Amino acid sequence: MNDFHPVTLYGSSISYFTGKMENYFKVKEIPYSFKPMLFPSFKKTMIEKVGVQQMPAVVLKDGRWMTDTTKMIQWFEFKYPEHPIIPDDSTQAFLCFLIEDWADEWWWRPAMHYRWFYEEGARFASWHLANEVLGGMRLPIWFKRRYIQRRQRNGYTTGDGIDSLNFKYVEQDFLSLLKILEDIFSSRKFLFGGKPSLGDIGLSGPFFRHFALDPVPLEIIKQKAPNVLSWVSNLWKYRLSSDDGEWLDYIPQDMEPLIQEIGKTYLPYLNENVNAVRQNEKTFNFINDQVSFKNVRYSLYRVWCLKELRGHFQEASKDSQSILKDLLHRNGSWMPLWEQEDLPIDKHFESNLPFKANSKMIGVYEK
């Protein structure tokens, strides 16, 4: 059994990425204490310690600060290799990295839409955040709630490409995801078998503290995808040290619809973002047969995400690369993965993560 050192997790108890990190710590059995990230004072501290202000932050026993859930998890996996969440099979490992990235960077927008567009969600979340992360500000509660709602909508929903013309698509996309996941979790507890993987941890970001918590999407899940709700609970209570589950030794066919979804929208979106960054455009339009998002915010970080995905593919064994190429190609994800040739970021970009960051997830509130 690993001798885990306790860590401190700063964030919010209804935060997308804080919830993802908590699921990882729970499954891995890394002891942690949770503390709310209090604003505005915490902004100065985070910029000083890790370069950017974003949720969550982790402080190690030796005093070092960390950011970025993807790289924090990879660091902890390297530091504590016993009971891994990344499969040894490099085919499964790559798919875990792909699903985690998609969960982090694509499902953020629909999760924020359900929270901040519908009055039930906005009322719940603004009250909670006003008391939790703005609790130290001596301002009327109504003012703090109004400030939070305006900030979140301007930064992450209406300010990031969501409008009345694409509401229907955003919500249909969620329903499609539920159908795919319901099929998977009706036959097994986790994505790749009887125990959770990095793919499950990645999907806990949008689900644990958003879709399965906020009133509107939660009711949809209850009605349409009860096995997905069970998966959220199963993940939260699972402990890898129990050794009571195994990963499958193959890629189940019911995983292919997930790969198709990634190829239809997410990877093409990453390519449009690359074009915007290359042309120094702070916003861009993403339009395809599925959806139209206008005035989407650019993201240097998501250029790096595409670079990381390619690196994970290249790290896979030759046999796995052959399997993956066929799998991705027949599900429409191979070509968009490699469409862009020279990515417009420095080779050392984000090389100091998880201890120092160059940029936030999207180009908003960076200064």
Protein backbone atom coordinates (compact mmCIF):
# COMPACT_ATOMS: atom_id res chain seq x y z
CA MET A 1 0.00 0.00 0.00
CA ASN A 2 1.35 3.42 -0.92
CA ASP A 3 2.24 5.81 1.87
CA PHE A 4 0.22 8.74 0.62
CA HIS A 5 0.97 12.18 2.00
CA PRO A 6 -2.15 14.25 2.71
CA VAL A 7 -2.79 17.21 0.44
CA THR A 8 -4.96 20.31 0.57
CA LEU A 9 -7.50 20.87 -2.19
CA TYR A 10 -8.72 24.42 -2.79
CA GLY A 11 -11.81 24.88 -4.91
CA SER A 12 -15.59 24.89 -4.69
CA SER A 13 -17.91 22.09 -3.65
CA ILE A 14 -19.96 22.63 -6.84
CA SER A 15 -16.97 23.09 -9.17
CA TYR A 16 -16.53 21.03 -12.37
CA PHE A 17 -12.79 20.43 -12.00
CA THR A 18 -12.72 20.37 -8.20
CA GLY A 19 -15.21 17.51 -8.40
CA LYS A 20 -13.05 15.71 -10.95
CA MET A 21 -10.03 15.98 -8.65
CA GLU A 22 -12.02 14.83 -5.64
CA ASN A 23 -13.17 11.74 -7.51
CA TYR A 24 -9.56 10.96 -8.36
CA PHE A 25 -8.40 11.41 -4.76
CA LYS A 26 -11.28 9.26 -3.47
CA VAL A 27 -10.71 6.42 -5.94
CA LYS A 28 -6.94 6.53 -5.43
CA GLU A 29 -7.34 6.95 -1.65
CA ILE A 30 -5.09 9.98 -1.44
CA PRO A 31 -6.04 11.77 1.79
CA TYR A 32 -7.05 15.38 1.27
CA SER A 33 -8.65 18.24 3.10
CA PHE A 34 -11.00 20.49 1.16
CA LYS A 35 -10.94 24.26 1.60
CA PRO A 36 -13.03 26.80 -0.33
CA MET A 37 -11.13 29.06 -2.71
CA LEU A 38 -12.04 32.50 -1.39
CA PHE A 39 -12.17 35.43 -3.78
CA PRO A 40 -10.91 37.99 -4.55
CA SER A 41 -7.94 37.44 -2.22
CA PHE A 42 -7.09 33.98 -3.62
CA LYS A 43 -6.47 35.31 -7.13
CA LYS A 44 -3.23 37.03 -6.14
CA THR A 45 -2.03 33.93 -4.30
CA MET A 46 -2.65 31.59 -7.23
CA ILE A 47 -1.00 33.84 -9.80
CA GLU A 48 2.00 34.09 -7.49
CA LYS A 49 2.16 30.35 -6.84
CA VAL A 50 1.21 28.75 -10.19
CA GLY A 51 0.94 31.58 -12.76
CA VAL A 52 -2.85 31.62 -13.29
CA GLN A 53 -5.99 31.75 -11.20
CA GLN A 54 -8.24 28.74 -11.80
CA MET A 55 -9.97 25.95 -9.90
CA PRO A 56 -8.83 23.81 -8.28
CA ALA A 57 -5.43 24.20 -6.66
CA VAL A 58 -3.63 21.47 -4.74
CA VAL A 59 -0.99 22.12 -2.10
CA LEU A 60 1.41 19.30 -1.31
CA LYS A 61 2.73 18.52 2.16
CA ASP A 62 6.08 20.12 1.23
CA GLY A 63 4.34 23.41 0.40
CA ARG A 64 4.41 23.20 -3.38
CA TRP A 65 1.32 24.40 -5.24
CA MET A 66 -0.20 22.63 -8.25
CA THR A 67 -2.78 23.41 -10.94
CA ASP A 68 -4.44 21.71 -13.95
CA THR A 69 -6.30 18.50 -13.14
CA THR A 70 -4.97 16.61 -16.18
CA LYS A 71 -1.33 17.13 -15.29
CA MET A 72 -1.90 16.84 -11.55
CA ILE A 73 -3.42 13.38 -12.04
CA GLN A 74 -0.53 12.33 -14.27
CA TRP A 75 1.93 13.55 -11.63
CA PHE A 76 0.19 11.62 -8.85
CA GLU A 77 0.05 8.51 -11.04
CA PHE A 78 3.82 8.72 -11.59
CA LYS A 79 4.47 9.42 -7.91
CA TYR A 80 2.13 6.65 -6.70
CA PRO A 81 2.04 3.92 -9.41
CA GLU A 82 0.30 1.28 -7.28
CA HIS A 83 -3.37 0.77 -8.23
CA PRO A 84 -3.23 2.88 -11.40
CA ILE A 85 -6.19 4.49 -13.13
CA ILE A 86 -4.40 4.48 -16.51
CA PRO A 87 -4.52 0.99 -18.07
CA ASP A 88 -1.28 -0.76 -18.97
CA ASP A 89 -2.76 -1.56 -22.38
CA SER A 90 -1.73 1.44 -24.47
CA THR A 91 -4.83 1.19 -26.70
CA GLN A 92 -7.08 1.65 -23.68
CA ALA A 93 -4.70 4.23 -22.23
CA PHE A 94 -4.92 6.42 -25.33
CA LEU A 95 -8.72 6.22 -25.34
CA CYS A 96 -8.69 7.26 -21.68
CA PHE A 97 -6.60 10.32 -22.52
CA LEU A 98 -8.90 11.12 -25.44
CA ILE A 99 -12.09 10.79 -23.38
CA GLU A 100 -10.62 12.80 -20.50
CA ASP A 101 -9.63 15.63 -22.82
CA TRP A 102 -13.05 15.64 -24.51
CA ALA A 103 -14.79 15.66 -21.12
CA ASP A 104 -12.62 18.54 -19.90
CA GLU A 105 -12.75 20.78 -22.95
CA TRP A 106 -16.02 20.06 -24.79
CA TRP A 107 -18.55 19.27 -22.08
CA TRP A 108 -17.65 22.36 -20.06
CA ARG A 109 -19.87 24.56 -22.23
CA PRO A 110 -23.09 22.42 -22.02
CA ALA A 111 -22.57 21.97 -18.26
CA MET A 112 -22.34 25.73 -17.80
CA HIS A 113 -25.36 26.22 -20.07
CA TYR A 114 -27.62 24.06 -17.92
CA ARG A 115 -26.36 25.73 -14.74
CA TRP A 116 -26.63 29.36 -15.80
CA PHE A 117 -29.37 29.49 -18.47
CA TYR A 118 -32.16 27.91 -16.44
CA GLU A 119 -33.42 29.87 -13.47
CA GLU A 120 -33.46 26.78 -11.21
CA GLY A 121 -29.76 26.18 -11.84
CA ALA A 122 -28.70 29.83 -11.66
CA ARG A 123 -30.60 30.35 -8.41
CA PHE A 124 -29.03 27.26 -6.80
CA ALA A 125 -25.47 27.89 -8.00
CA SER A 126 -25.34 31.66 -7.45
CA TRP A 127 -26.57 31.29 -3.87
CA HIS A 128 -24.04 28.55 -3.15
CA LEU A 129 -21.06 30.36 -4.69
CA ALA A 130 -22.00 33.70 -3.13
CA ASN A 131 -21.80 32.07 0.29
CA GLU A 132 -18.87 29.74 -0.37
CA VAL A 133 -16.25 31.49 -2.52
CA LEU A 134 -17.42 35.09 -2.00
CA GLY A 135 -18.23 34.55 1.64
CA GLY A 136 -15.49 36.91 2.78
CA MET A 137 -16.76 39.88 0.76
CA ARG A 138 -18.80 42.37 2.77
CA LEU A 139 -21.46 42.92 0.17
CA PRO A 140 -25.21 42.18 0.06
CA ILE A 141 -25.98 38.59 -0.93
CA TRP A 142 -28.20 39.74 -3.80
CA PHE A 143 -25.34 41.77 -5.25
CA LYS A 144 -22.90 38.86 -5.07
CA ARG A 145 -25.40 36.52 -6.70
CA ARG A 146 -26.07 38.95 -9.52
CA TYR A 147 -22.33 39.48 -10.03
CA ILE A 148 -21.69 35.72 -10.22
CA GLN A 149 -24.49 35.10 -12.70
CA ARG A 150 -23.34 37.91 -14.99
CA ARG A 151 -19.72 36.82 -14.77
CA GLN A 152 -20.42 33.19 -15.55
CA ARG A 153 -22.75 33.91 -18.45
CA ASN A 154 -20.47 36.53 -20.01
CA GLY A 155 -17.44 34.29 -19.62
CA TYR A 156 -18.67 30.79 -20.31
CA THR A 157 -22.11 30.61 -21.97
CA THR A 158 -23.47 33.58 -23.94
CA GLY A 159 -19.93 34.96 -23.94
CA ASP A 160 -18.53 31.73 -25.38
CA GLY A 161 -20.77 31.00 -28.34
CA ILE A 162 -24.03 29.78 -26.80
CA ASP A 163 -27.15 31.62 -28.02
CA SER A 164 -30.84 30.98 -28.67
CA LEU A 165 -30.01 29.53 -32.10
CA ASN A 166 -27.93 26.66 -30.73
CA PHE A 167 -29.66 25.92 -27.40
CA LYS A 168 -31.48 23.03 -29.06
CA TYR A 169 -28.24 21.50 -30.34
CA VAL A 170 -26.45 21.87 -27.00
CA GLU A 171 -29.25 20.07 -25.19
CA GLN A 172 -29.64 17.41 -27.86
CA ASP A 173 -25.91 16.77 -27.60
CA PHE A 174 -26.39 16.07 -23.91
CA LEU A 175 -29.26 13.67 -24.60
CA SER A 176 -27.12 11.84 -27.18
CA LEU A 177 -24.32 11.48 -24.65
CA LEU A 178 -26.74 10.11 -22.06
CA LYS A 179 -28.02 7.48 -24.50
CA ILE A 180 -24.49 6.32 -25.32
CA LEU A 181 -23.44 6.17 -21.67
CA GLU A 182 -26.69 4.49 -20.60
CA ASP A 183 -25.98 1.70 -23.09
CA ILE A 184 -22.47 1.30 -21.68
CA PHE A 185 -23.38 1.40 -18.00
CA SER A 186 -26.31 -0.93 -18.42
CA SER A 187 -23.79 -3.68 -19.19
CA ARG A 188 -20.89 -2.82 -16.85
CA LYS A 189 -20.05 -0.49 -13.96
CA PHE A 190 -17.35 1.58 -15.65
CA LEU A 191 -16.17 2.49 -19.15
CA PHE A 192 -13.60 -0.27 -19.52
CA GLY A 193 -14.95 -2.91 -17.16
CA GLY A 194 -15.34 -3.54 -13.45
CA LYS A 195 -13.12 -0.75 -12.12
CA PRO A 196 -12.73 2.94 -13.00
CA SER A 197 -10.11 4.35 -15.33
CA LEU A 198 -8.90 7.82 -16.23
CA GLY A 199 -11.77 7.97 -18.72
CA ASP A 200 -14.29 7.67 -15.89
CA ILE A 201 -12.45 10.29 -13.84
CA GLY A 202 -12.51 12.64 -16.83
CA LEU A 203 -16.26 12.25 -17.32
CA SER A 204 -16.82 12.89 -13.62
CA GLY A 205 -15.94 16.54 -14.36
CA PRO A 206 -19.16 17.37 -16.21
CA PHE A 207 -21.29 14.82 -14.37
CA PHE A 208 -20.43 14.78 -10.69
CA ARG A 209 -20.83 18.46 -9.82
CA HIS A 210 -22.91 19.62 -12.80
CA PHE A 211 -25.17 17.25 -14.74
CA ALA A 212 -25.88 15.03 -11.73
CA LEU A 213 -26.17 17.95 -9.30
CA ASP A 214 -27.88 20.86 -11.06
CA PRO A 215 -31.68 20.54 -10.96
CA VAL A 216 -32.50 20.58 -14.69
CA PRO A 217 -29.97 18.03 -16.03
CA LEU A 218 -30.34 15.88 -12.91
CA GLU A 219 -34.04 15.42 -13.59
CA ILE A 220 -33.27 14.48 -17.20
CA ILE A 221 -30.77 11.85 -16.04
CA LYS A 222 -33.24 10.42 -13.54
CA GLN A 223 -35.84 10.01 -16.26
CA LYS A 224 -33.66 8.88 -19.17
CA ALA A 225 -30.42 7.40 -17.84
CA PRO A 226 -30.67 5.82 -14.38
CA ASN A 227 -27.58 3.69 -15.00
CA VAL A 228 -25.57 6.85 -15.61
CA LEU A 229 -26.69 8.11 -12.22
CA SER A 230 -25.60 4.79 -10.70
CA TRP A 231 -22.22 5.17 -12.38
CA VAL A 232 -21.73 8.60 -10.76
CA SER A 233 -22.40 7.01 -7.35
CA ASN A 234 -20.30 3.91 -8.09
CA LEU A 235 -17.32 6.06 -9.04
CA TRP A 236 -17.52 8.20 -5.91
CA LYS A 237 -17.51 5.20 -3.58
CA TYR A 238 -15.05 2.91 -5.45
CA ARG A 239 -11.55 2.33 -4.03
CA LEU A 240 -8.89 0.91 -6.33
CA SER A 241 -7.13 -0.85 -3.45
CA SER A 242 -10.11 -3.17 -3.07
CA ASP A 243 -9.03 -5.06 -6.21
CA ASP A 244 -12.62 -6.20 -6.76
CA GLY A 245 -12.81 -5.28 -10.43
CA GLU A 246 -10.82 -5.71 -13.63
CA TRP A 247 -10.52 -3.90 -16.93
CA LEU A 248 -11.61 -5.76 -20.04
CA ASP A 249 -8.89 -7.08 -22.33
CA TYR A 250 -10.51 -5.57 -25.44
CA ILE A 251 -12.26 -2.38 -26.57
CA PRO A 252 -16.04 -2.89 -26.27
CA GLN A 253 -17.99 -2.04 -29.40
CA ASP A 254 -20.31 0.22 -27.42
CA MET A 255 -17.37 2.61 -26.92
CA GLU A 256 -17.29 3.45 -30.61
CA PRO A 257 -20.22 5.92 -30.49
CA LEU A 258 -18.17 8.00 -28.04
CA ILE A 259 -15.30 8.09 -30.52
CA GLN A 260 -17.72 9.06 -33.28
CA GLU A 261 -18.99 11.99 -31.22
CA ILE A 262 -15.44 13.16 -30.59
CA GLY A 263 -14.67 13.02 -34.31
CA LYS A 264 -17.87 14.83 -35.34
CA THR A 265 -17.51 17.89 -33.17
CA TYR A 266 -14.68 18.10 -30.67
CA LEU A 267 -11.65 17.43 -32.86
CA PRO A 268 -12.95 19.71 -35.67
CA TYR A 269 -13.54 22.37 -33.01
CA LEU A 270 -9.92 22.02 -31.85
CA ASN A 271 -8.78 22.54 -35.44
CA GLU A 272 -10.82 25.74 -35.81
CA ASN A 273 -9.33 26.95 -32.55
CA VAL A 274 -5.85 26.27 -33.95
CA ASN A 275 -6.69 28.41 -36.99
CA ALA A 276 -7.85 31.25 -34.75
CA VAL A 277 -4.72 31.14 -32.62
CA ARG A 278 -2.53 31.00 -35.74
CA GLN A 279 -4.29 34.10 -37.12
CA ASN A 280 -4.22 35.85 -33.73
CA GLU A 281 -8.02 36.00 -33.59
CA LYS A 282 -9.45 36.22 -30.08
CA THR A 283 -12.80 34.74 -31.15
CA PHE A 284 -13.85 32.46 -34.00
CA ASN A 285 -16.89 30.73 -35.46
CA PHE A 286 -17.27 26.97 -35.32
CA ILE A 287 -19.83 25.79 -37.85
CA ASN A 288 -20.38 22.29 -39.18
CA ASP A 289 -23.28 19.98 -40.05
CA GLN A 290 -24.05 19.52 -36.37
CA VAL A 291 -23.91 22.97 -34.82
CA SER A 292 -23.09 26.65 -35.20
CA PHE A 293 -21.19 28.43 -32.43
CA LYS A 294 -20.37 32.07 -33.16
CA ASN A 295 -17.81 34.22 -31.38
CA VAL A 296 -16.26 31.34 -29.47
CA ARG A 297 -13.28 32.37 -27.37
CA TYR A 298 -9.82 31.32 -28.52
CA SER A 299 -7.71 29.03 -26.34
CA LEU A 300 -3.95 28.59 -26.41
CA TYR A 301 -4.43 25.80 -23.89
CA ARG A 302 -6.58 23.79 -26.30
CA VAL A 303 -3.87 23.97 -28.96
CA TRP A 304 -1.67 22.34 -26.36
CA CYS A 305 -4.41 19.75 -25.68
CA LEU A 306 -4.29 18.68 -29.33
CA LYS A 307 -0.51 18.43 -29.12
CA GLU A 308 -0.81 16.29 -26.00
CA LEU A 309 -3.28 13.90 -27.65
CA ARG A 310 -0.90 13.36 -30.54
CA GLY A 311 1.92 12.75 -28.09
CA HIS A 312 -0.12 10.10 -26.27
CA PHE A 313 -0.77 8.34 -29.57
CA GLN A 314 2.92 8.36 -30.44
CA GLU A 315 3.75 6.90 -27.01
CA ALA A 316 1.49 3.89 -27.66
CA SER A 317 3.03 0.62 -28.81
CA LYS A 318 3.21 -0.09 -32.53
CA ASP A 319 0.49 -2.73 -32.22
CA SER A 320 -1.73 -0.30 -30.33
CA GLN A 321 -1.10 2.43 -32.89
CA SER A 322 -2.29 0.10 -35.63
CA ILE A 323 -5.43 -0.82 -33.68
CA LEU A 324 -6.11 2.81 -32.78
CA LYS A 325 -5.63 4.07 -36.31
CA ASP A 326 -8.24 1.63 -37.59
CA LEU A 327 -10.60 2.37 -34.69
CA LEU A 328 -10.29 6.15 -35.04
CA HIS A 329 -10.48 6.06 -38.82
CA ARG A 330 -13.70 4.09 -39.03
CA ASN A 331 -15.27 6.38 -36.41
CA GLY A 332 -14.27 9.65 -38.06
CA SER A 333 -11.62 10.73 -35.56
CA TRP A 334 -8.36 9.92 -37.34
CA MET A 335 -8.22 12.70 -39.94
CA PRO A 336 -9.20 15.58 -37.63
CA LEU A 337 -6.63 14.41 -35.07
CA TRP A 338 -3.84 15.06 -37.60
CA GLU A 339 -5.39 17.75 -39.81
CA GLN A 340 -3.19 20.57 -38.50
CA GLU A 341 0.49 20.26 -39.30
CA ASP A 342 2.51 22.81 -37.32
CA LEU A 343 0.71 23.80 -34.16
CA PRO A 344 1.17 27.49 -33.26
CA ILE A 345 2.62 27.08 -29.78
CA ASP A 346 6.16 26.90 -28.49
CA LYS A 347 7.45 23.39 -27.82
CA HIS A 348 7.98 24.31 -24.16
CA PHE A 349 4.43 25.64 -23.72
CA GLU A 350 2.94 24.27 -20.46
CA SER A 351 6.06 22.18 -19.90
CA ASN A 352 6.15 23.21 -16.22
CA LEU A 353 2.71 21.88 -15.36
CA PRO A 354 1.42 20.98 -12.83
CA PHE A 355 3.57 23.44 -10.87
CA LYS A 356 3.42 26.41 -13.24
CA ALA A 357 0.90 27.27 -15.96
CA ASN A 358 1.19 29.46 -19.06
CA SER A 359 -2.53 29.94 -19.76
CA LYS A 360 -6.08 29.23 -18.65
CA MET A 361 -8.48 26.85 -20.37
CA ILE A 362 -10.06 29.59 -22.48
CA GLY A 363 -9.08 33.19 -23.21
CA VAL A 364 -11.25 34.89 -20.60
CA TYR A 365 -10.43 36.47 -17.24
CA GLU A 366 -6.75 35.82 -17.78
CA LYS A 367 -5.65 39.26 -16.61
